[in-house]
């Protein structure tokens, strides 16, 4: 376990032994701090994560009561949700879903991820499993100092990754490989390469981000770096608001079949200023998630809106 994870579990695990009335008092104090921040900005983010705008009911027979909430999935999901819902009355009820969520639930529920397109109002985003997904980095190497090539490492069992490997593994402008060896295809096993650390990947001007079950874990750290993020069209989003990211502004979008990957690399190698502008916008996007006090406030306001619209609280955003 990394030092960062150790600190996370120690700090957040200790919160679970704090009496409920203290957590509620601390939550109330945080909510009262709203006036210290840009109101329009706060409201926009709250309403993006929680798109509900009409009253709804929570079935107490099916939902979870705040006082009865316990670990039902991964520890990080449990701790991150615990910090939010325990700031409210123990009598409130809510729905939630653990893990990588790619469908919109039938009932309004707290979750980590949702599809970008379509009516996703029942999917209420919270910053869950943050220890894995919010790994922002400090990149000390400039774009100009990096290698003129694209890098990617990951498991190769999904169709999009298998296609990438079969079409670009042997390209001299690519350092692309899978790190797992569980596959029935001898061809695919030929694409296995040693894993690479984030620091090693940062040696490259272009880093490819590929969605897996839901969002790509590496998208956030790539966008905090001095490398240019390449990705096919984004289909899922989290607290990072991937649905608001714009191709050509925050990242470079490549075709789903990767047929334009080399063309895009060549273009941004020659048009360095355009690459640097996209990297600047990506870095600026990341910055908004680094204010821990504001992030906590927004999380509580998202939940407060849920409890208010479900008729369990008279509080409003």
C-alpha atoms as a PDB file:
ATOM      1  CA  UNK A   1       0.000   0.000   0.000  1.00  0.00           C
ATOM      2  CA  UNK A   2       1.318   3.439  -0.957  1.00  0.00           C
ATOM      3  CA  UNK A   3       1.868   6.126   1.657  1.00  0.00           C
ATOM      4  CA  UNK A   4      -0.949   8.151   0.090  1.00  0.00           C
ATOM      5  CA  UNK A   5      -3.417   5.280   0.458  1.00  0.00           C
ATOM      6  CA  UNK A   6      -2.248   4.563   3.987  1.00  0.00           C
ATOM      7  CA  UNK A   7      -2.878   8.145   5.022  1.00  0.00           C
ATOM      8  CA  UNK A   8      -6.271   8.110   3.305  1.00  0.00           C
ATOM      9  CA  UNK A   9      -7.496   5.000   5.101  1.00  0.00           C
ATOM     10  CA  UNK A  10      -6.156   6.105   8.474  1.00  0.00           C
ATOM     11  CA  UNK A  11      -7.681   9.594   8.221  1.00  0.00           C
ATOM     12  CA  UNK A  12     -11.017   8.518   6.786  1.00  0.00           C
ATOM     13  CA  UNK A  13     -11.304   5.334   8.807  1.00  0.00           C
ATOM     14  CA  UNK A  14     -11.054   7.360  12.007  1.00  0.00           C
ATOM     15  CA  UNK A  15     -14.117   9.362  10.961  1.00  0.00           C
ATOM     16  CA  UNK A  16     -16.309   6.264  11.307  1.00  0.00           C
ATOM     17  CA  UNK A  17     -15.838   6.223  15.081  1.00  0.00           C
ATOM     18  CA  UNK A  18     -16.892   9.836  15.585  1.00  0.00           C
ATOM     19  CA  UNK A  19     -20.376  10.127  17.190  1.00  0.00           C
ATOM     20  CA  UNK A  20     -23.163  10.927  14.729  1.00  0.00           C
ATOM     21  CA  UNK A  21     -24.159  14.200  16.420  1.00  0.00           C
ATOM     22  CA  UNK A  22     -20.631  15.558  15.976  1.00  0.00           C
ATOM     23  CA  UNK A  23     -20.590  14.647  12.275  1.00  0.00           C
ATOM     24  CA  UNK A  24     -23.932  16.393  11.851  1.00  0.00           C
ATOM     25  CA  UNK A  25     -22.647  19.493  13.624  1.00  0.00           C
ATOM     26  CA  UNK A  26     -19.548  19.562  11.427  1.00  0.00           C
ATOM     27  CA  UNK A  27     -21.710  19.090   8.338  1.00  0.00           C
ATOM     28  CA  UNK A  28     -23.952  21.980   9.351  1.00  0.00           C
ATOM     29  CA  UNK A  29     -20.909  24.194   9.844  1.00  0.00           C
ATOM     30  CA  UNK A  30     -19.610  23.285   6.379  1.00  0.00           C
ATOM     31  CA  UNK A  31     -22.983  24.060   4.783  1.00  0.00           C
ATOM     32  CA  UNK A  32     -23.010  27.432   6.507  1.00  0.00           C
ATOM     33  CA  UNK A  33     -19.686  28.249   4.834  1.00  0.00           C
ATOM     34  CA  UNK A  34     -21.407  28.439   1.440  1.00  0.00           C
ATOM     35  CA  UNK A  35     -21.415  32.243   1.508  1.00  0.00           C
ATOM     36  CA  UNK A  36     -17.609  32.198   1.495  1.00  0.00           C
ATOM     37  CA  UNK A  37     -17.535  30.858  -2.062  1.00  0.00           C
ATOM     38  CA  UNK A  38     -18.676  31.940  -5.524  1.00  0.00           C
ATOM     39  CA  UNK A  39     -22.414  31.229  -5.325  1.00  0.00           C
ATOM     40  CA  UNK A  40     -22.991  30.852  -9.067  1.00  0.00           C
ATOM     41  CA  UNK A  41     -20.109  28.432  -9.425  1.00  0.00           C
ATOM     42  CA  UNK A  42     -21.263  26.340  -6.461  1.00  0.00           C
ATOM     43  CA  UNK A  43     -24.838  26.199  -7.725  1.00  0.00           C
ATOM     44  CA  UNK A  44     -23.782  25.185 -11.233  1.00  0.00           C
ATOM     45  CA  UNK A  45     -21.756  22.269  -9.956  1.00  0.00           C
ATOM     46  CA  UNK A  46     -24.396  21.109  -7.466  1.00  0.00           C
ATOM     47  CA  UNK A  47     -27.062  21.136 -10.170  1.00  0.00           C
ATOM     48  CA  UNK A  48     -24.773  19.324 -12.585  1.00  0.00           C
ATOM     49  CA  UNK A  49     -24.158  16.456 -10.194  1.00  0.00           C
ATOM     50  CA  UNK A  50     -27.757  16.380  -8.994  1.00  0.00           C
ATOM     51  CA  UNK A  51     -29.969  17.175 -11.984  1.00  0.00           C
ATOM     52  CA  UNK A  52     -33.233  16.445 -10.183  1.00  0.00           C
ATOM     53  CA  UNK A  53     -35.619  19.400 -10.186  1.00  0.00           C
ATOM     54  CA  UNK A  54     -38.915  17.875  -9.048  1.00  0.00           C
ATOM     55  CA  UNK A  55     -40.008  16.170  -5.819  1.00  0.00           C
ATOM     56  CA  UNK A  56     -39.650  12.392  -5.598  1.00  0.00           C
ATOM     57  CA  UNK A  57     -40.163   9.761  -2.941  1.00  0.00           C
ATOM     58  CA  UNK A  58     -37.758   7.262  -1.426  1.00  0.00           C
ATOM     59  CA  UNK A  59     -39.121   3.813  -0.651  1.00  0.00           C
ATOM     60  CA  UNK A  60     -38.084   3.212   2.949  1.00  0.00           C
ATOM     61  CA  UNK A  61     -38.550  -0.530   2.443  1.00  0.00           C
ATOM     62  CA  UNK A  62     -35.921  -0.624  -0.291  1.00  0.00           C
ATOM     63  CA  UNK A  63     -33.655   2.290   0.597  1.00  0.00           C
ATOM     64  CA  UNK A  64     -30.949   2.585   3.240  1.00  0.00           C
ATOM     65  CA  UNK A  65     -31.400   4.692   6.352  1.00  0.00           C
ATOM     66  CA  UNK A  66     -28.509   6.960   7.274  1.00  0.00           C
ATOM     67  CA  UNK A  67     -28.321   5.434  10.746  1.00  0.00           C
ATOM     68  CA  UNK A  68     -28.109   1.919   9.265  1.00  0.00           C
ATOM     69  CA  UNK A  69     -25.554   2.627   6.545  1.00  0.00           C
ATOM     70  CA  UNK A  70     -22.733   0.077   6.549  1.00  0.00           C
ATOM     71  CA  UNK A  71     -20.019  -1.194   4.250  1.00  0.00           C
ATOM     72  CA  UNK A  72     -21.491  -3.133   1.322  1.00  0.00           C
ATOM     73  CA  UNK A  73     -18.773  -2.626  -1.273  1.00  0.00           C
ATOM     74  CA  UNK A  74     -15.192  -1.427  -1.493  1.00  0.00           C
ATOM     75  CA  UNK A  75     -13.744   0.436   1.487  1.00  0.00           C
ATOM     76  CA  UNK A  76     -13.099   3.603  -0.514  1.00  0.00           C
ATOM     77  CA  UNK A  77     -16.702   3.758  -1.722  1.00  0.00           C
ATOM     78  CA  UNK A  78     -17.942   3.231   1.829  1.00  0.00           C
ATOM     79  CA  UNK A  79     -15.698   5.858   3.418  1.00  0.00           C
ATOM     80  CA  UNK A  80     -16.325   8.505   0.766  1.00  0.00           C
ATOM     81  CA  UNK A  81     -20.096   8.081   0.968  1.00  0.00           C
ATOM     82  CA  UNK A  82     -19.993   7.854   4.778  1.00  0.00           C
ATOM     83  CA  UNK A  83     -18.397  11.311   5.000  1.00  0.00           C
ATOM     84  CA  UNK A  84     -21.320  12.800   3.091  1.00  0.00           C
ATOM     85  CA  UNK A  85     -24.476  11.087   4.313  1.00  0.00           C
ATOM     86  CA  UNK A  86     -23.477  10.989   7.999  1.00  0.00           C
ATOM     87  CA  UNK A  87     -23.638  14.798   7.998  1.00  0.00           C
ATOM     88  CA  UNK A  88     -27.434  14.482   7.813  1.00  0.00           C
ATOM     89  CA  UNK A  89     -30.206  13.201  10.041  1.00  0.00           C
ATOM     90  CA  UNK A  90     -29.954   9.499  10.979  1.00  0.00           C
ATOM     91  CA  UNK A  91     -33.640   9.149  10.061  1.00  0.00           C
ATOM     92  CA  UNK A  92     -33.173  10.034   6.370  1.00  0.00           C
ATOM     93  CA  UNK A  93     -33.363   7.362   3.676  1.00  0.00           C
ATOM     94  CA  UNK A  94     -31.357   7.200   0.444  1.00  0.00           C
ATOM     95  CA  UNK A  95     -30.421   4.904  -2.436  1.00  0.00           C
ATOM     96  CA  UNK A  96     -26.867   4.272  -3.577  1.00  0.00           C
ATOM     97  CA  UNK A  97     -24.917   1.994  -5.912  1.00  0.00           C
ATOM     98  CA  UNK A  98     -21.298   0.918  -5.478  1.00  0.00           C
ATOM     99  CA  UNK A  99     -18.727   0.342  -8.189  1.00  0.00           C
ATOM    100  CA  UNK A 100     -18.462   1.206 -11.872  1.00  0.00           C
ATOM    101  CA  UNK A 101     -21.962   2.226 -12.912  1.00  0.00           C
ATOM    102  CA  UNK A 102     -22.783   2.492 -16.626  1.00  0.00           C
ATOM    103  CA  UNK A 103     -26.593   2.510 -16.484  1.00  0.00           C
ATOM    104  CA  UNK A 104     -29.075   4.985 -15.037  1.00  0.00           C
ATOM    105  CA  UNK A 105     -30.866   3.498 -11.994  1.00  0.00           C
ATOM    106  CA  UNK A 106     -34.642   3.283 -11.748  1.00  0.00           C
ATOM    107  CA  UNK A 107     -34.631   5.337  -8.545  1.00  0.00           C
ATOM    108  CA  UNK A 108     -32.565   8.464  -7.796  1.00  0.00           C
ATOM    109  CA  UNK A 109     -29.330   7.128  -6.321  1.00  0.00           C
ATOM    110  CA  UNK A 110     -25.900   8.266  -5.217  1.00  0.00           C
ATOM    111  CA  UNK A 111     -23.150   6.716  -7.346  1.00  0.00           C
ATOM    112  CA  UNK A 112     -19.705   7.294  -8.802  1.00  0.00           C
ATOM    113  CA  UNK A 113     -20.339   7.225 -12.546  1.00  0.00           C
ATOM    114  CA  UNK A 114     -23.077   7.624 -15.126  1.00  0.00           C
ATOM    115  CA  UNK A 115     -23.490   7.727 -18.926  1.00  0.00           C
ATOM    116  CA  UNK A 116     -23.016  11.189 -20.391  1.00  0.00           C
ATOM    117  CA  UNK A 117     -25.749  10.989 -23.020  1.00  0.00           C
ATOM    118  CA  UNK A 118     -29.459  10.644 -22.417  1.00  0.00           C
ATOM    119  CA  UNK A 119     -31.579  11.341 -19.347  1.00  0.00           C
ATOM    120  CA  UNK A 120     -29.223  10.655 -16.438  1.00  0.00           C
ATOM    121  CA  UNK A 121     -30.998  12.723 -13.760  1.00  0.00           C
ATOM    122  CA  UNK A 122     -31.549   9.698 -11.510  1.00  0.00           C
ATOM    123  CA  UNK A 123     -27.769   9.222 -11.373  1.00  0.00           C
ATOM    124  CA  UNK A 124     -26.553  11.566  -8.661  1.00  0.00           C
ATOM    125  CA  UNK A 125     -22.802  11.918  -8.679  1.00  0.00           C
ATOM    126  CA  UNK A 126     -20.642  12.025  -5.581  1.00  0.00           C
ATOM    127  CA  UNK A 127     -16.865  11.923  -5.306  1.00  0.00           C
ATOM    128  CA  UNK A 128     -16.575   8.193  -4.622  1.00  0.00           C
ATOM    129  CA  UNK A 129     -13.437   6.027  -4.727  1.00  0.00           C
ATOM    130  CA  UNK A 130     -11.529   9.302  -4.812  1.00  0.00           C
ATOM    131  CA  UNK A 131      -8.238   7.741  -3.690  1.00  0.00           C
ATOM    132  CA  UNK A 132      -8.008   5.895  -7.002  1.00  0.00           C
ATOM    133  CA  UNK A 133      -9.459   8.421  -9.409  1.00  0.00           C
ATOM    134  CA  UNK A 134      -8.153  11.762  -8.150  1.00  0.00           C
ATOM    135  CA  UNK A 135      -4.440  11.270  -8.491  1.00  0.00           C
ATOM    136  CA  UNK A 136      -3.256  14.646  -9.733  1.00  0.00           C
ATOM    137  CA  UNK A 137       0.472  14.933 -10.333  1.00  0.00           C
ATOM    138  CA  UNK A 138       3.230  17.528 -10.618  1.00  0.00           C
ATOM    139  CA  UNK A 139       4.949  17.200 -13.970  1.00  0.00           C
ATOM    140  CA  UNK A 140       8.408  18.783 -14.013  1.00  0.00           C
ATOM    141  CA  UNK A 141       9.132  18.030 -17.654  1.00  0.00           C
ATOM    142  CA  UNK A 142       7.898  20.436 -20.331  1.00  0.00           C
ATOM    143  CA  UNK A 143       6.007  19.263 -23.397  1.00  0.00           C
ATOM    144  CA  UNK A 144       8.966  20.211 -25.568  1.00  0.00           C
ATOM    145  CA  UNK A 145      11.317  17.930 -23.601  1.00  0.00           C
ATOM    146  CA  UNK A 146       9.155  14.833 -24.042  1.00  0.00           C
ATOM    147  CA  UNK A 147       9.378  12.065 -26.652  1.00  0.00           C
ATOM    148  CA  UNK A 148       7.495  12.498 -29.941  1.00  0.00           C
ATOM    149  CA  UNK A 149       5.420   9.365 -29.415  1.00  0.00           C
ATOM    150  CA  UNK A 150       2.231   8.124 -27.763  1.00  0.00           C
ATOM    151  CA  UNK A 151       2.191   5.787 -24.778  1.00  0.00           C
ATOM    152  CA  UNK A 152      -0.457   3.499 -23.309  1.00  0.00           C
ATOM    153  CA  UNK A 153      -0.465   0.652 -20.807  1.00  0.00           C
ATOM    154  CA  UNK A 154      -3.441  -1.280 -19.496  1.00  0.00           C
ATOM    155  CA  UNK A 155      -5.319  -4.546 -19.514  1.00  0.00           C
ATOM    156  CA  UNK A 156      -6.213  -5.804 -22.958  1.00  0.00           C
ATOM    157  CA  UNK A 157      -9.441  -7.689 -22.538  1.00  0.00           C
ATOM    158  CA  UNK A 158     -11.842  -5.007 -23.809  1.00  0.00           C
ATOM    159  CA  UNK A 159     -12.611  -4.740 -27.560  1.00  0.00           C
ATOM    160  CA  UNK A 160     -11.344  -1.164 -27.920  1.00  0.00           C
ATOM    161  CA  UNK A 161      -8.009  -2.077 -26.362  1.00  0.00           C
ATOM    162  CA  UNK A 162      -7.617  -5.220 -28.435  1.00  0.00           C
ATOM    163  CA  UNK A 163      -8.231  -3.157 -31.562  1.00  0.00           C
ATOM    164  CA  UNK A 164      -5.635  -0.584 -30.503  1.00  0.00           C
ATOM    165  CA  UNK A 165      -3.043  -3.298 -29.889  1.00  0.00           C
ATOM    166  CA  UNK A 166      -3.672  -5.095 -33.171  1.00  0.00           C
ATOM    167  CA  UNK A 167      -3.372  -1.890 -35.213  1.00  0.00           C
ATOM    168  CA  UNK A 168      -0.639   0.094 -33.436  1.00  0.00           C
ATOM    169  CA  UNK A 169       1.543  -2.238 -31.382  1.00  0.00           C
ATOM    170  CA  UNK A 170       4.307  -2.339 -33.986  1.00  0.00           C
ATOM    171  CA  UNK A 171       4.157   1.326 -34.972  1.00  0.00           C
ATOM    172  CA  UNK A 172       7.501   3.041 -34.184  1.00  0.00           C
ATOM    173  CA  UNK A 173       5.648   6.150 -33.020  1.00  0.00           C
ATOM    174  CA  UNK A 174       3.789   4.162 -30.368  1.00  0.00           C
ATOM    175  CA  UNK A 175       4.769   2.573 -27.089  1.00  0.00           C
ATOM    176  CA  UNK A 176       1.569   0.631 -26.594  1.00  0.00           C
ATOM    177  CA  UNK A 177       1.170  -2.636 -24.731  1.00  0.00           C
ATOM    178  CA  UNK A 178      -1.037  -4.655 -22.430  1.00  0.00           C
ATOM    179  CA  UNK A 179       0.149  -5.622 -18.974  1.00  0.00           C
ATOM    180  CA  UNK A 180      -2.051  -8.678 -18.328  1.00  0.00           C
ATOM    181  CA  UNK A 181      -1.442 -12.211 -19.589  1.00  0.00           C
ATOM    182  CA  UNK A 182      -4.896 -13.777 -19.239  1.00  0.00           C
ATOM    183  CA  UNK A 183      -5.999 -14.315 -22.816  1.00  0.00           C
ATOM    184  CA  UNK A 184      -6.792 -17.240 -25.105  1.00  0.00           C
ATOM    185  CA  UNK A 185      -5.413 -15.415 -28.124  1.00  0.00           C
ATOM    186  CA  UNK A 186      -1.744 -16.052 -28.884  1.00  0.00           C
ATOM    187  CA  UNK A 187      -1.745 -12.907 -30.999  1.00  0.00           C
ATOM    188  CA  UNK A 188      -2.953 -10.781 -28.085  1.00  0.00           C
ATOM    189  CA  UNK A 189      -0.419 -12.322 -25.717  1.00  0.00           C
ATOM    190  CA  UNK A 190       2.224 -11.124 -28.125  1.00  0.00           C
ATOM    191  CA  UNK A 191       1.283  -7.569 -27.216  1.00  0.00           C
ATOM    192  CA  UNK A 192       2.258  -7.932 -23.564  1.00  0.00           C
ATOM    193  CA  UNK A 193       4.868  -5.435 -22.343  1.00  0.00           C
ATOM    194  CA  UNK A 194       6.177  -4.513 -18.893  1.00  0.00           C
ATOM    195  CA  UNK A 195       3.999  -2.099 -16.941  1.00  0.00           C
ATOM    196  CA  UNK A 196       5.057   1.543 -16.766  1.00  0.00           C
ATOM    197  CA  UNK A 197       4.874   3.934 -13.864  1.00  0.00           C
ATOM    198  CA  UNK A 198       3.202   7.303 -14.251  1.00  0.00           C
ATOM    199  CA  UNK A 199       6.643   8.903 -14.171  1.00  0.00           C
ATOM    200  CA  UNK A 200       7.769   6.724 -17.087  1.00  0.00           C
ATOM    201  CA  UNK A 201       4.664   7.574 -19.111  1.00  0.00           C
ATOM    202  CA  UNK A 202       5.251  11.268 -18.518  1.00  0.00           C
ATOM    203  CA  UNK A 203       8.348  10.976 -20.706  1.00  0.00           C
ATOM    204  CA  UNK A 204       5.981  11.048 -23.713  1.00  0.00           C
ATOM    205  CA  UNK A 205       4.280  14.005 -25.363  1.00  0.00           C
ATOM    206  CA  UNK A 206       1.068  12.058 -25.957  1.00  0.00           C
ATOM    207  CA  UNK A 207      -0.685   9.765 -23.484  1.00  0.00           C
ATOM    208  CA  UNK A 208      -3.696   7.721 -24.516  1.00  0.00           C
ATOM    209  CA  UNK A 209      -6.681   7.436 -22.180  1.00  0.00           C
ATOM    210  CA  UNK A 210      -9.174   4.616 -22.773  1.00  0.00           C
ATOM    211  CA  UNK A 211     -12.428   4.088 -20.927  1.00  0.00           C
ATOM    212  CA  UNK A 212     -12.831   0.660 -19.355  1.00  0.00           C
ATOM    213  CA  UNK A 213     -15.948  -0.468 -17.544  1.00  0.00           C
ATOM    214  CA  UNK A 214     -16.767   3.201 -17.089  1.00  0.00           C
ATOM    215  CA  UNK A 215     -14.384   6.175 -17.026  1.00  0.00           C
ATOM    216  CA  UNK A 216     -10.646   5.961 -17.606  1.00  0.00           C
ATOM    217  CA  UNK A 217      -8.692   6.169 -14.355  1.00  0.00           C
ATOM    218  CA  UNK A 218      -5.721   7.868 -16.008  1.00  0.00           C
ATOM    219  CA  UNK A 219      -7.670  10.746 -17.610  1.00  0.00           C
ATOM    220  CA  UNK A 220      -7.368  12.946 -14.528  1.00  0.00           C
ATOM    221  CA  UNK A 221      -3.637  12.601 -13.966  1.00  0.00           C
ATOM    222  CA  UNK A 222      -2.929  13.028 -17.682  1.00  0.00           C
ATOM    223  CA  UNK A 223      -4.873  16.289 -17.672  1.00  0.00           C
ATOM    224  CA  UNK A 224      -2.834  17.504 -14.705  1.00  0.00           C
ATOM    225  CA  UNK A 225       0.423  16.874 -16.590  1.00  0.00           C
ATOM    226  CA  UNK A 226       2.385  18.580 -19.365  1.00  0.00           C
ATOM    227  CA  UNK A 227       1.541  15.781 -21.797  1.00  0.00           C
ATOM    228  CA  UNK A 228      -1.344  15.947 -24.248  1.00  0.00           C
ATOM    229  CA  UNK A 229      -4.311  13.673 -23.537  1.00  0.00           C
ATOM    230  CA  UNK A 230      -5.616  11.600 -26.458  1.00  0.00           C
ATOM    231  CA  UNK A 231      -8.919   9.760 -26.058  1.00  0.00           C
ATOM    232  CA  UNK A 232     -11.818   8.461 -28.133  1.00  0.00           C
ATOM    233  CA  UNK A 233     -15.221  10.087 -27.521  1.00  0.00           C
ATOM    234  CA  UNK A 234     -16.033  10.088 -23.810  1.00  0.00           C
ATOM    235  CA  UNK A 235     -19.159   8.115 -22.875  1.00  0.00           C
ATOM    236  CA  UNK A 236     -19.163   8.176 -19.068  1.00  0.00           C
ATOM    237  CA  UNK A 237     -18.596  10.791 -16.410  1.00  0.00           C
ATOM    238  CA  UNK A 238     -17.878  11.165 -12.705  1.00  0.00           C
ATOM    239  CA  UNK A 239     -17.371  14.007 -10.224  1.00  0.00           C
ATOM    240  CA  UNK A 240     -14.689  15.214 -12.682  1.00  0.00           C
ATOM    241  CA  UNK A 241     -17.546  16.301 -15.000  1.00  0.00           C
ATOM    242  CA  UNK A 242     -16.158  14.547 -18.058  1.00  0.00           C
ATOM    243  CA  UNK A 243     -19.382  15.426 -19.870  1.00  0.00           C
ATOM    244  CA  UNK A 244     -18.386  19.094 -19.841  1.00  0.00           C
ATOM    245  CA  UNK A 245     -14.919  18.522 -21.292  1.00  0.00           C
ATOM    246  CA  UNK A 246     -14.517  19.663 -24.893  1.00  0.00           C
ATOM    247  CA  UNK A 247     -12.507  17.975 -27.610  1.00  0.00           C
ATOM    248  CA  UNK A 248      -9.845  20.304 -28.962  1.00  0.00           C
ATOM    249  CA  UNK A 249     -10.044  22.405 -25.800  1.00  0.00           C
ATOM    250  CA  UNK A 250      -9.240  20.005 -22.936  1.00  0.00           C
ATOM    251  CA  UNK A 251      -8.073  16.912 -24.855  1.00  0.00           C
ATOM    252  CA  UNK A 252      -7.579  15.564 -28.370  1.00  0.00           C
ATOM    253  CA  UNK A 253     -10.328  13.241 -29.555  1.00  0.00           C
ATOM    254  CA  UNK A 254      -9.319  10.324 -31.773  1.00  0.00           C
ATOM    255  CA  UNK A 255     -11.610   7.982 -33.687  1.00  0.00           C
ATOM    256  CA  UNK A 256     -12.935   4.885 -31.961  1.00  0.00           C
ATOM    257  CA  UNK A 257     -10.940   2.698 -34.365  1.00  0.00           C
ATOM    258  CA  UNK A 258      -7.756   4.769 -33.776  1.00  0.00           C
ATOM    259  CA  UNK A 259      -7.325   5.236 -37.540  1.00  0.00           C
ATOM    260  CA  UNK A 260      -6.359   8.894 -37.071  1.00  0.00           C
ATOM    261  CA  UNK A 261      -4.054   8.393 -34.082  1.00  0.00           C
ATOM    262  CA  UNK A 262      -0.774   8.911 -35.980  1.00  0.00           C
ATOM    263  CA  UNK A 263      -2.254  11.766 -37.993  1.00  0.00           C
ATOM    264  CA  UNK A 264      -3.259  13.593 -34.793  1.00  0.00           C
ATOM    265  CA  UNK A 265       0.178  12.972 -33.252  1.00  0.00           C
ATOM    266  CA  UNK A 266       1.928  14.391 -36.308  1.00  0.00           C
ATOM    267  CA  UNK A 267      -0.360  17.415 -36.340  1.00  0.00           C
ATOM    268  CA  UNK A 268       0.237  18.382 -32.702  1.00  0.00           C
ATOM    269  CA  UNK A 269       3.952  17.696 -33.001  1.00  0.00           C
ATOM    270  CA  UNK A 270       4.093  20.281 -35.787  1.00  0.00           C
ATOM    271  CA  UNK A 271       1.578  22.652 -34.166  1.00  0.00           C
ATOM    272  CA  UNK A 272       3.155  22.854 -30.744  1.00  0.00           C
ATOM    273  CA  UNK A 273       1.376  26.048 -29.696  1.00  0.00           C
ATOM    274  CA  UNK A 274      -2.010  24.412 -30.182  1.00  0.00           C
ATOM    275  CA  UNK A 275      -0.898  21.445 -28.088  1.00  0.00           C
ATOM    276  CA  UNK A 276       0.298  23.741 -25.318  1.00  0.00           C
ATOM    277  CA  UNK A 277      -3.012  25.609 -25.346  1.00  0.00           C
ATOM    278  CA  UNK A 278      -4.966  22.377 -24.851  1.00  0.00           C
ATOM    279  CA  UNK A 279      -2.618  21.325 -22.036  1.00  0.00           C
ATOM    280  CA  UNK A 280      -3.124  24.728 -20.375  1.00  0.00           C
ATOM    281  CA  UNK A 281      -6.903  24.343 -20.490  1.00  0.00           C
ATOM    282  CA  UNK A 282      -6.643  20.784 -19.154  1.00  0.00           C
ATOM    283  CA  UNK A 283      -4.501  21.958 -16.252  1.00  0.00           C
ATOM    284  CA  UNK A 284      -6.968  24.755 -15.505  1.00  0.00           C
ATOM    285  CA  UNK A 285      -9.841  22.266 -15.437  1.00  0.00           C
ATOM    286  CA  UNK A 286      -8.008  20.132 -12.899  1.00  0.00           C
ATOM    287  CA  UNK A 287      -7.312  23.081 -10.594  1.00  0.00           C
ATOM    288  CA  UNK A 288     -10.981  23.474  -9.612  1.00  0.00           C
ATOM    289  CA  UNK A 289     -10.942  20.088  -7.868  1.00  0.00           C
ATOM    290  CA  UNK A 290      -8.028  20.905  -5.562  1.00  0.00           C
ATOM    291  CA  UNK A 291      -9.894  23.101  -3.064  1.00  0.00           C
ATOM    292  CA  UNK A 292     -10.761  20.462  -0.461  1.00  0.00           C
ATOM    293  CA  UNK A 293     -13.077  22.731   1.565  1.00  0.00           C
ATOM    294  CA  UNK A 294     -15.083  23.712  -1.496  1.00  0.00           C
ATOM    295  CA  UNK A 295     -15.229  20.107  -2.696  1.00  0.00           C
ATOM    296  CA  UNK A 296     -16.630  19.008   0.661  1.00  0.00           C
ATOM    297  CA  UNK A 297     -19.224  21.778   0.612  1.00  0.00           C
ATOM    298  CA  UNK A 298     -20.408  20.849  -2.891  1.00  0.00           C
ATOM    299  CA  UNK A 299     -20.708  17.189  -1.881  1.00  0.00           C
ATOM    300  CA  UNK A 300     -22.916  18.083   1.080  1.00  0.00           C
ATOM    301  CA  UNK A 301     -25.053  20.408  -1.036  1.00  0.00           C
ATOM    302  CA  UNK A 302     -25.605  17.643  -3.598  1.00  0.00           C
ATOM    303  CA  UNK A 303     -26.866  15.366  -0.812  1.00  0.00           C
ATOM    304  CA  UNK A 304     -28.864  18.159   0.804  1.00  0.00           C
ATOM    305  CA  UNK A 305     -30.695  18.725  -2.484  1.00  0.00           C
ATOM    306  CA  UNK A 306     -31.474  14.996  -2.639  1.00  0.00           C
ATOM    307  CA  UNK A 307     -32.935  14.930   0.857  1.00  0.00           C
ATOM    308  CA  UNK A 308     -34.904  18.152   0.261  1.00  0.00           C
ATOM    309  CA  UNK A 309     -36.486  16.992  -3.007  1.00  0.00           C
ATOM    310  CA  UNK A 310     -37.333  13.639  -1.441  1.00  0.00           C
ATOM    311  CA  UNK A 311     -39.327  15.491   1.225  1.00  0.00           C
ATOM    312  CA  UNK A 312     -37.042  14.580   4.103  1.00  0.00           C
ATOM    313  CA  UNK A 313     -35.592  18.039   4.658  1.00  0.00           C
ATOM    314  CA  UNK A 314     -36.817  21.592   4.178  1.00  0.00           C
ATOM    315  CA  UNK A 315     -33.287  22.816   3.411  1.00  0.00           C
ATOM    316  CA  UNK A 316     -32.532  24.210  -0.039  1.00  0.00           C
ATOM    317  CA  UNK A 317     -29.274  24.755  -1.912  1.00  0.00           C
END
